[in-house]
Amino acid sequence: MSTNSGLLSSSIARKFAMALSALFLIVFLLQHFIINFTSVISEDAFNSSSHFMGTNPLIQFVMQPILMFGVAFHFIMGFILEARNRGARPQKYAMYKGSANSSWMSRNMIWSGLFILGFLAFHLWDFWLPEMNYKYIQGNPEDPTRYFGEVQHMFANPIRVIVYCLSFVFLALHLLHGFQSAFQSIGARHPKYTPAIKAFGKWYAILIPAGFIFIAVFHFLNGNH
């Protein structure tokens, strides 16, 4: 009995930790979107906010490592939970029709997550590594007006725009289940508040990825090709 209780407790703890990392990344995603969206409103505002984020020591050397740890933790924990869930299912589950009791998004979180992980690897290679090379390896002097032009140059490539758009479609699918699941895992369930959380999560899952897609398409159509 104590063994089963311990297994249950550890499973709940893993789900709770997974949910906290998801909520952390949801907050970061909103902040990232707000800064990026300024690029379609004001070149100066985007350059100013990007320069601050790119040169502030607290953000660069404290928050950025925390973010990278949060991303790695979320995906590793997701794979662990998926593997344990598959291992815990009885053989007869192979005949179970999941669509009868769960959404497509909930049954395919691992696949949408893998696609997003691939996109993050591409984004690190495509943006973060060149940025680190520019600032810390080549030691170039900081130019507070360079960011807007770099974004327009990045989205001048139609292949890159397509990759970004597809990635945010998968992110939307992932968030449609993941947002409310995170709140449920931390125990935020109440007849009065749960419907509002689900509604907010649905709009967040659609509008934020759609906003990122709009940014990419906007710069592709309005940039200098």
C-alpha atoms as a PDB file:
ATOM      1  CA  MET A   1       0.000   0.000   0.000  1.00  0.00           C
ATOM      2  CA  SER A   2       2.816   2.396   0.904  1.00  0.00           C
ATOM      3  CA  THR A   3       4.578   1.566  -2.377  1.00  0.00           C
ATOM      4  CA  ASN A   4       1.478   2.414  -4.397  1.00  0.00           C
ATOM      5  CA  SER A   5       1.017   5.594  -2.363  1.00  0.00           C
ATOM      6  CA  GLY A   6       4.613   6.584  -3.017  1.00  0.00           C
ATOM      7  CA  LEU A   7       4.252   5.984  -6.749  1.00  0.00           C
ATOM      8  CA  LEU A   8       1.067   8.032  -6.803  1.00  0.00           C
ATOM      9  CA  SER A   9       2.732  10.874  -4.889  1.00  0.00           C
ATOM     10  CA  SER A  10       5.739  10.919  -7.208  1.00  0.00           C
ATOM     11  CA  SER A  11       3.441  10.919 -10.246  1.00  0.00           C
ATOM     12  CA  ILE A  12       1.470  13.868  -8.847  1.00  0.00           C
ATOM     13  CA  ALA A  13       4.725  15.692  -8.066  1.00  0.00           C
ATOM     14  CA  ARG A  14       5.986  15.206 -11.625  1.00  0.00           C
ATOM     15  CA  LYS A  15       2.716  16.472 -13.089  1.00  0.00           C
ATOM     16  CA  PHE A  16       2.784  19.466 -10.735  1.00  0.00           C
ATOM     17  CA  ALA A  17       6.366  20.313 -11.739  1.00  0.00           C
ATOM     18  CA  MET A  18       5.435  19.881 -15.403  1.00  0.00           C
ATOM     19  CA  ALA A  19       2.494  22.252 -14.946  1.00  0.00           C
ATOM     20  CA  LEU A  20       4.624  24.912 -13.238  1.00  0.00           C
ATOM     21  CA  SER A  21       7.165  24.809 -16.065  1.00  0.00           C
ATOM     22  CA  ALA A  22       4.312  25.099 -18.588  1.00  0.00           C
ATOM     23  CA  LEU A  23       2.881  28.169 -16.830  1.00  0.00           C
ATOM     24  CA  PHE A  24       6.355  29.725 -16.694  1.00  0.00           C
ATOM     25  CA  LEU A  25       6.759  29.226 -20.454  1.00  0.00           C
ATOM     26  CA  ILE A  26       3.245  30.571 -21.116  1.00  0.00           C
ATOM     27  CA  VAL A  27       4.169  33.806 -19.320  1.00  0.00           C
ATOM     28  CA  PHE A  28       7.462  34.031 -21.230  1.00  0.00           C
ATOM     29  CA  LEU A  29       5.661  33.439 -24.535  1.00  0.00           C
ATOM     30  CA  LEU A  30       3.314  36.353 -23.850  1.00  0.00           C
ATOM     31  CA  GLN A  31       6.223  38.650 -22.985  1.00  0.00           C
ATOM     32  CA  HIS A  32       8.114  37.528 -26.106  1.00  0.00           C
ATOM     33  CA  PHE A  33       5.049  38.176 -28.245  1.00  0.00           C
ATOM     34  CA  ILE A  34       4.506  41.681 -26.846  1.00  0.00           C
ATOM     35  CA  ILE A  35       8.085  42.693 -27.659  1.00  0.00           C
ATOM     36  CA  ASN A  36       7.985  41.146 -31.129  1.00  0.00           C
ATOM     37  CA  PHE A  37       4.636  42.725 -31.902  1.00  0.00           C
ATOM     38  CA  THR A  38       6.107  46.198 -31.394  1.00  0.00           C
ATOM     39  CA  SER A  39       8.045  45.548 -34.607  1.00  0.00           C
ATOM     40  CA  VAL A  40       4.835  45.967 -36.636  1.00  0.00           C
ATOM     41  CA  ILE A  41       3.889  49.150 -34.778  1.00  0.00           C
ATOM     42  CA  SER A  42       7.091  51.134 -34.272  1.00  0.00           C
ATOM     43  CA  GLU A  43      10.623  50.486 -35.459  1.00  0.00           C
ATOM     44  CA  ASP A  44      12.021  52.658 -32.662  1.00  0.00           C
ATOM     45  CA  ALA A  45       9.994  50.914 -29.956  1.00  0.00           C
ATOM     46  CA  PHE A  46      11.106  47.503 -31.179  1.00  0.00           C
ATOM     47  CA  ASN A  47      14.754  48.542 -31.346  1.00  0.00           C
ATOM     48  CA  SER A  48      14.596  50.038 -27.851  1.00  0.00           C
ATOM     49  CA  SER A  49      12.925  47.024 -26.217  1.00  0.00           C
ATOM     50  CA  SER A  50      15.141  44.537 -28.061  1.00  0.00           C
ATOM     51  CA  HIS A  51      18.273  46.459 -27.126  1.00  0.00           C
ATOM     52  CA  PHE A  52      17.221  46.453 -23.480  1.00  0.00           C
ATOM     53  CA  MET A  53      16.501  42.707 -23.513  1.00  0.00           C
ATOM     54  CA  GLY A  54      19.730  41.974 -25.367  1.00  0.00           C
ATOM     55  CA  THR A  55      22.064  44.010 -23.158  1.00  0.00           C
ATOM     56  CA  ASN A  56      20.542  43.947 -19.658  1.00  0.00           C
ATOM     57  CA  PRO A  57      22.836  41.748 -17.485  1.00  0.00           C
ATOM     58  CA  LEU A  58      19.960  40.463 -15.336  1.00  0.00           C
ATOM     59  CA  ILE A  59      18.091  39.250 -18.408  1.00  0.00           C
ATOM     60  CA  GLN A  60      21.143  37.911 -20.229  1.00  0.00           C
ATOM     61  CA  PHE A  61      22.900  36.125 -17.368  1.00  0.00           C
ATOM     62  CA  VAL A  62      20.069  35.272 -14.969  1.00  0.00           C
ATOM     63  CA  MET A  63      16.721  35.116 -16.753  1.00  0.00           C
ATOM     64  CA  GLN A  64      18.041  33.629 -19.994  1.00  0.00           C
ATOM     65  CA  PRO A  65      19.666  30.602 -18.296  1.00  0.00           C
ATOM     66  CA  ILE A  66      16.495  30.131 -16.191  1.00  0.00           C
ATOM     67  CA  LEU A  67      14.433  30.190 -19.384  1.00  0.00           C
ATOM     68  CA  MET A  68      16.667  27.632 -21.098  1.00  0.00           C
ATOM     69  CA  PHE A  69      16.480  25.398 -18.028  1.00  0.00           C
ATOM     70  CA  GLY A  70      12.685  25.787 -17.991  1.00  0.00           C
ATOM     71  CA  VAL A  71      12.404  24.773 -21.642  1.00  0.00           C
ATOM     72  CA  ALA A  72      14.686  21.743 -21.200  1.00  0.00           C
ATOM     73  CA  PHE A  73      12.907  20.698 -17.989  1.00  0.00           C
ATOM     74  CA  HIS A  74       9.467  20.978 -19.598  1.00  0.00           C
ATOM     75  CA  PHE A  75      10.333  18.786 -22.561  1.00  0.00           C
ATOM     76  CA  ILE A  76      12.304  16.209 -20.570  1.00  0.00           C
ATOM     77  CA  MET A  77       9.514  15.928 -18.010  1.00  0.00           C
ATOM     78  CA  GLY A  78       6.986  15.648 -20.837  1.00  0.00           C
ATOM     79  CA  PHE A  79       8.852  12.707 -22.346  1.00  0.00           C
ATOM     80  CA  ILE A  80       9.172  11.033 -18.930  1.00  0.00           C
ATOM     81  CA  LEU A  81       5.444  11.391 -18.225  1.00  0.00           C
ATOM     82  CA  GLU A  82       4.549  10.102 -21.684  1.00  0.00           C
ATOM     83  CA  ALA A  83       6.816   7.065 -21.285  1.00  0.00           C
ATOM     84  CA  ARG A  84       5.396   6.282 -17.836  1.00  0.00           C
ATOM     85  CA  ASN A  85       1.815   6.698 -19.053  1.00  0.00           C
ATOM     86  CA  ARG A  86       2.425   4.305 -21.926  1.00  0.00           C
ATOM     87  CA  GLY A  87       4.091   1.806 -19.606  1.00  0.00           C
ATOM     88  CA  ALA A  88       1.206   1.952 -17.141  1.00  0.00           C
ATOM     89  CA  ARG A  89      -1.499   1.238 -19.704  1.00  0.00           C
ATOM     90  CA  PRO A  90      -2.881  -2.312 -19.727  1.00  0.00           C
ATOM     91  CA  GLN A  91      -2.678  -4.352 -22.917  1.00  0.00           C
ATOM     92  CA  LYS A  92      -6.377  -3.930 -23.596  1.00  0.00           C
ATOM     93  CA  TYR A  93      -5.779  -0.189 -23.945  1.00  0.00           C
ATOM     94  CA  ALA A  94      -4.635  -0.946 -27.500  1.00  0.00           C
ATOM     95  CA  MET A  95      -8.274  -1.516 -28.360  1.00  0.00           C
ATOM     96  CA  TYR A  96      -9.417   1.614 -26.567  1.00  0.00           C
ATOM     97  CA  LYS A  97     -10.862   4.353 -28.749  1.00  0.00           C
ATOM     98  CA  GLY A  98      -9.279   7.441 -27.268  1.00  0.00           C
ATOM     99  CA  SER A  99     -11.330   9.819 -29.391  1.00  0.00           C
ATOM    100  CA  ALA A 100     -14.404   8.813 -27.411  1.00  0.00           C
ATOM    101  CA  ASN A 101     -13.073  10.359 -24.180  1.00  0.00           C
ATOM    102  CA  SER A 102     -10.287  12.778 -25.113  1.00  0.00           C
ATOM    103  CA  SER A 103      -9.479  15.417 -27.693  1.00  0.00           C
ATOM    104  CA  TRP A 104      -7.045  15.030 -30.567  1.00  0.00           C
ATOM    105  CA  MET A 105      -4.757  17.600 -28.904  1.00  0.00           C
ATOM    106  CA  SER A 106      -4.566  15.692 -25.613  1.00  0.00           C
ATOM    107  CA  ARG A 107      -3.794  12.390 -27.387  1.00  0.00           C
ATOM    108  CA  ASN A 108      -1.052  13.946 -29.507  1.00  0.00           C
ATOM    109  CA  MET A 109       0.703  16.298 -27.086  1.00  0.00           C
ATOM    110  CA  ILE A 110       3.955  14.358 -27.501  1.00  0.00           C
ATOM    111  CA  TRP A 111       3.940  14.841 -31.297  1.00  0.00           C
ATOM    112  CA  SER A 112       3.095  18.528 -31.229  1.00  0.00           C
ATOM    113  CA  GLY A 113       5.744  18.876 -28.512  1.00  0.00           C
ATOM    114  CA  LEU A 114       8.346  17.155 -30.664  1.00  0.00           C
ATOM    115  CA  PHE A 115       7.582  19.492 -33.572  1.00  0.00           C
ATOM    116  CA  ILE A 116       7.910  22.509 -31.277  1.00  0.00           C
ATOM    117  CA  LEU A 117      11.174  21.138 -29.888  1.00  0.00           C
ATOM    118  CA  GLY A 118      12.492  20.837 -33.439  1.00  0.00           C
ATOM    119  CA  PHE A 119      11.475  24.423 -34.108  1.00  0.00           C
ATOM    120  CA  LEU A 120      13.221  25.619 -30.945  1.00  0.00           C
ATOM    121  CA  ALA A 121      16.407  23.881 -32.055  1.00  0.00           C
ATOM    122  CA  PHE A 122      16.074  25.609 -35.435  1.00  0.00           C
ATOM    123  CA  HIS A 123      15.382  28.958 -33.742  1.00  0.00           C
ATOM    124  CA  LEU A 124      18.479  28.606 -31.549  1.00  0.00           C
ATOM    125  CA  TRP A 125      20.603  27.835 -34.586  1.00  0.00           C
ATOM    126  CA  ASP A 126      18.938  30.505 -36.711  1.00  0.00           C
ATOM    127  CA  PHE A 127      18.815  33.373 -34.210  1.00  0.00           C
ATOM    128  CA  TRP A 128      20.319  32.747 -30.781  1.00  0.00           C
ATOM    129  CA  LEU A 129      23.706  31.350 -31.862  1.00  0.00           C
ATOM    130  CA  PRO A 130      24.354  34.157 -34.386  1.00  0.00           C
ATOM    131  CA  GLU A 131      23.365  36.672 -31.688  1.00  0.00           C
ATOM    132  CA  MET A 132      25.765  35.137 -29.168  1.00  0.00           C
ATOM    133  CA  ASN A 133      28.499  35.065 -31.825  1.00  0.00           C
ATOM    134  CA  TYR A 134      27.875  38.719 -32.737  1.00  0.00           C
ATOM    135  CA  LYS A 135      28.018  39.980 -29.151  1.00  0.00           C
ATOM    136  CA  TYR A 136      30.328  37.710 -27.211  1.00  0.00           C
ATOM    137  CA  ILE A 137      32.666  36.002 -29.696  1.00  0.00           C
ATOM    138  CA  GLN A 138      33.202  38.667 -32.330  1.00  0.00           C
ATOM    139  CA  GLY A 139      32.816  41.371 -29.683  1.00  0.00           C
ATOM    140  CA  ASN A 140      30.978  43.772 -31.983  1.00  0.00           C
ATOM    141  CA  PRO A 141      29.974  47.112 -30.455  1.00  0.00           C
ATOM    142  CA  GLU A 142      26.301  47.271 -29.610  1.00  0.00           C
ATOM    143  CA  ASP A 143      24.149  49.005 -32.207  1.00  0.00           C
ATOM    144  CA  PRO A 144      20.752  49.863 -30.670  1.00  0.00           C
ATOM    145  CA  THR A 145      19.211  50.344 -34.130  1.00  0.00           C
ATOM    146  CA  ARG A 146      20.151  46.995 -35.695  1.00  0.00           C
ATOM    147  CA  TYR A 147      17.269  44.810 -34.468  1.00  0.00           C
ATOM    148  CA  PHE A 148      14.460  45.912 -36.772  1.00  0.00           C
ATOM    149  CA  GLY A 149      16.583  45.457 -39.884  1.00  0.00           C
ATOM    150  CA  GLU A 150      17.668  42.002 -38.710  1.00  0.00           C
ATOM    151  CA  VAL A 151      14.041  40.923 -38.265  1.00  0.00           C
ATOM    152  CA  GLN A 152      13.114  42.140 -41.737  1.00  0.00           C
ATOM    153  CA  HIS A 153      16.128  40.357 -43.207  1.00  0.00           C
ATOM    154  CA  MET A 154      15.213  37.160 -41.366  1.00  0.00           C
ATOM    155  CA  PHE A 155      11.662  37.099 -42.683  1.00  0.00           C
ATOM    156  CA  ALA A 156      12.627  37.972 -46.238  1.00  0.00           C
ATOM    157  CA  ASN A 157      13.195  34.236 -46.755  1.00  0.00           C
ATOM    158  CA  PRO A 158       9.864  32.533 -47.631  1.00  0.00           C
ATOM    159  CA  ILE A 159      11.115  29.121 -46.443  1.00  0.00           C
ATOM    160  CA  ARG A 160      11.864  30.536 -42.999  1.00  0.00           C
ATOM    161  CA  VAL A 161       8.418  32.191 -42.893  1.00  0.00           C
ATOM    162  CA  ILE A 162       6.726  28.888 -43.748  1.00  0.00           C
ATOM    163  CA  VAL A 163       8.692  27.044 -41.047  1.00  0.00           C
ATOM    164  CA  TYR A 164       7.786  29.679 -38.462  1.00  0.00           C
ATOM    165  CA  CYS A 165       4.100  29.652 -39.421  1.00  0.00           C
ATOM    166  CA  LEU A 166       3.820  25.856 -39.301  1.00  0.00           C
ATOM    167  CA  SER A 167       5.589  25.811 -35.941  1.00  0.00           C
ATOM    168  CA  PHE A 168       3.108  28.235 -34.443  1.00  0.00           C
ATOM    169  CA  VAL A 169       0.199  26.196 -35.772  1.00  0.00           C
ATOM    170  CA  PHE A 170       1.594  23.234 -33.823  1.00  0.00           C
ATOM    171  CA  LEU A 171       2.142  25.473 -30.820  1.00  0.00           C
ATOM    172  CA  ALA A 172      -1.539  26.461 -30.952  1.00  0.00           C
ATOM    173  CA  LEU A 173      -2.555  22.788 -31.002  1.00  0.00           C
ATOM    174  CA  HIS A 174      -0.239  22.099 -28.065  1.00  0.00           C
ATOM    175  CA  LEU A 175      -1.590  25.022 -26.052  1.00  0.00           C
ATOM    176  CA  LEU A 176      -5.244  24.169 -26.694  1.00  0.00           C
ATOM    177  CA  HIS A 177      -4.840  21.241 -24.330  1.00  0.00           C
ATOM    178  CA  GLY A 178      -1.732  22.238 -22.389  1.00  0.00           C
ATOM    179  CA  PHE A 179      -3.008  25.568 -21.030  1.00  0.00           C
ATOM    180  CA  GLN A 180      -6.007  24.222 -19.135  1.00  0.00           C
ATOM    181  CA  SER A 181      -4.176  20.994 -18.295  1.00  0.00           C
ATOM    182  CA  ALA A 182      -1.477  22.991 -16.480  1.00  0.00           C
ATOM    183  CA  PHE A 183      -4.058  24.731 -14.300  1.00  0.00           C
ATOM    184  CA  GLN A 184      -5.787  21.430 -13.610  1.00  0.00           C
ATOM    185  CA  SER A 185      -2.495  19.805 -12.555  1.00  0.00           C
ATOM    186  CA  ILE A 186      -1.802  22.480  -9.943  1.00  0.00           C
ATOM    187  CA  GLY A 187      -5.290  22.004  -8.507  1.00  0.00           C
ATOM    188  CA  ALA A 188      -6.888  25.169  -9.920  1.00  0.00           C
ATOM    189  CA  ARG A 189     -10.303  23.596 -10.387  1.00  0.00           C
ATOM    190  CA  HIS A 190     -13.492  25.293  -9.243  1.00  0.00           C
ATOM    191  CA  PRO A 191     -16.995  25.265 -10.756  1.00  0.00           C
ATOM    192  CA  LYS A 192     -16.960  29.059 -10.745  1.00  0.00           C
ATOM    193  CA  TYR A 193     -13.503  29.674 -12.245  1.00  0.00           C
ATOM    194  CA  THR A 194     -12.682  26.626 -14.393  1.00  0.00           C
ATOM    195  CA  PRO A 195     -14.941  27.649 -17.341  1.00  0.00           C
ATOM    196  CA  ALA A 196     -13.252  31.079 -17.405  1.00  0.00           C
ATOM    197  CA  ILE A 197      -9.788  29.481 -17.321  1.00  0.00           C
ATOM    198  CA  LYS A 198     -10.739  27.166 -20.190  1.00  0.00           C
ATOM    199  CA  ALA A 199     -12.134  30.054 -22.234  1.00  0.00           C
ATOM    200  CA  PHE A 200      -9.076  32.240 -21.595  1.00  0.00           C
ATOM    201  CA  GLY A 201      -6.778  29.322 -22.408  1.00  0.00           C
ATOM    202  CA  LYS A 202      -8.567  28.715 -25.703  1.00  0.00           C
ATOM    203  CA  TRP A 203      -8.254  32.354 -26.758  1.00  0.00           C
ATOM    204  CA  TYR A 204      -4.624  32.471 -25.630  1.00  0.00           C
ATOM    205  CA  ALA A 205      -3.827  29.276 -27.567  1.00  0.00           C
ATOM    206  CA  ILE A 206      -5.304  30.755 -30.747  1.00  0.00           C
ATOM    207  CA  LEU A 207      -4.446  34.457 -30.567  1.00  0.00           C
ATOM    208  CA  ILE A 208      -0.797  34.326 -29.437  1.00  0.00           C
ATOM    209  CA  PRO A 209       0.377  31.843 -32.125  1.00  0.00           C
ATOM    210  CA  ALA A 210      -1.762  33.690 -34.687  1.00  0.00           C
ATOM    211  CA  GLY A 211      -0.045  36.907 -33.617  1.00  0.00           C
ATOM    212  CA  PHE A 212       3.402  35.408 -34.190  1.00  0.00           C
ATOM    213  CA  ILE A 213       2.287  34.208 -37.625  1.00  0.00           C
ATOM    214  CA  PHE A 214       1.014  37.710 -38.405  1.00  0.00           C
ATOM    215  CA  ILE A 215       4.392  39.190 -37.431  1.00  0.00           C
ATOM    216  CA  ALA A 216       6.291  36.829 -39.752  1.00  0.00           C
ATOM    217  CA  VAL A 217       3.930  37.414 -42.689  1.00  0.00           C
ATOM    218  CA  PHE A 218       3.886  41.178 -42.085  1.00  0.00           C
ATOM    219  CA  HIS A 219       7.657  41.465 -42.318  1.00  0.00           C
ATOM    220  CA  PHE A 220       7.776  39.155 -45.327  1.00  0.00           C
ATOM    221  CA  LEU A 221       5.278  41.329 -47.199  1.00  0.00           C
ATOM    222  CA  ASN A 222       6.697  44.672 -46.056  1.00  0.00           C
ATOM    223  CA  GLY A 223      10.423  43.989 -45.903  1.00  0.00           C
ATOM    224  CA  ASN A 224      13.083  44.767 -48.461  1.00  0.00           C
ATOM    225  CA  HIS A 225      13.482  41.665 -50.626  1.00  0.00           C
END
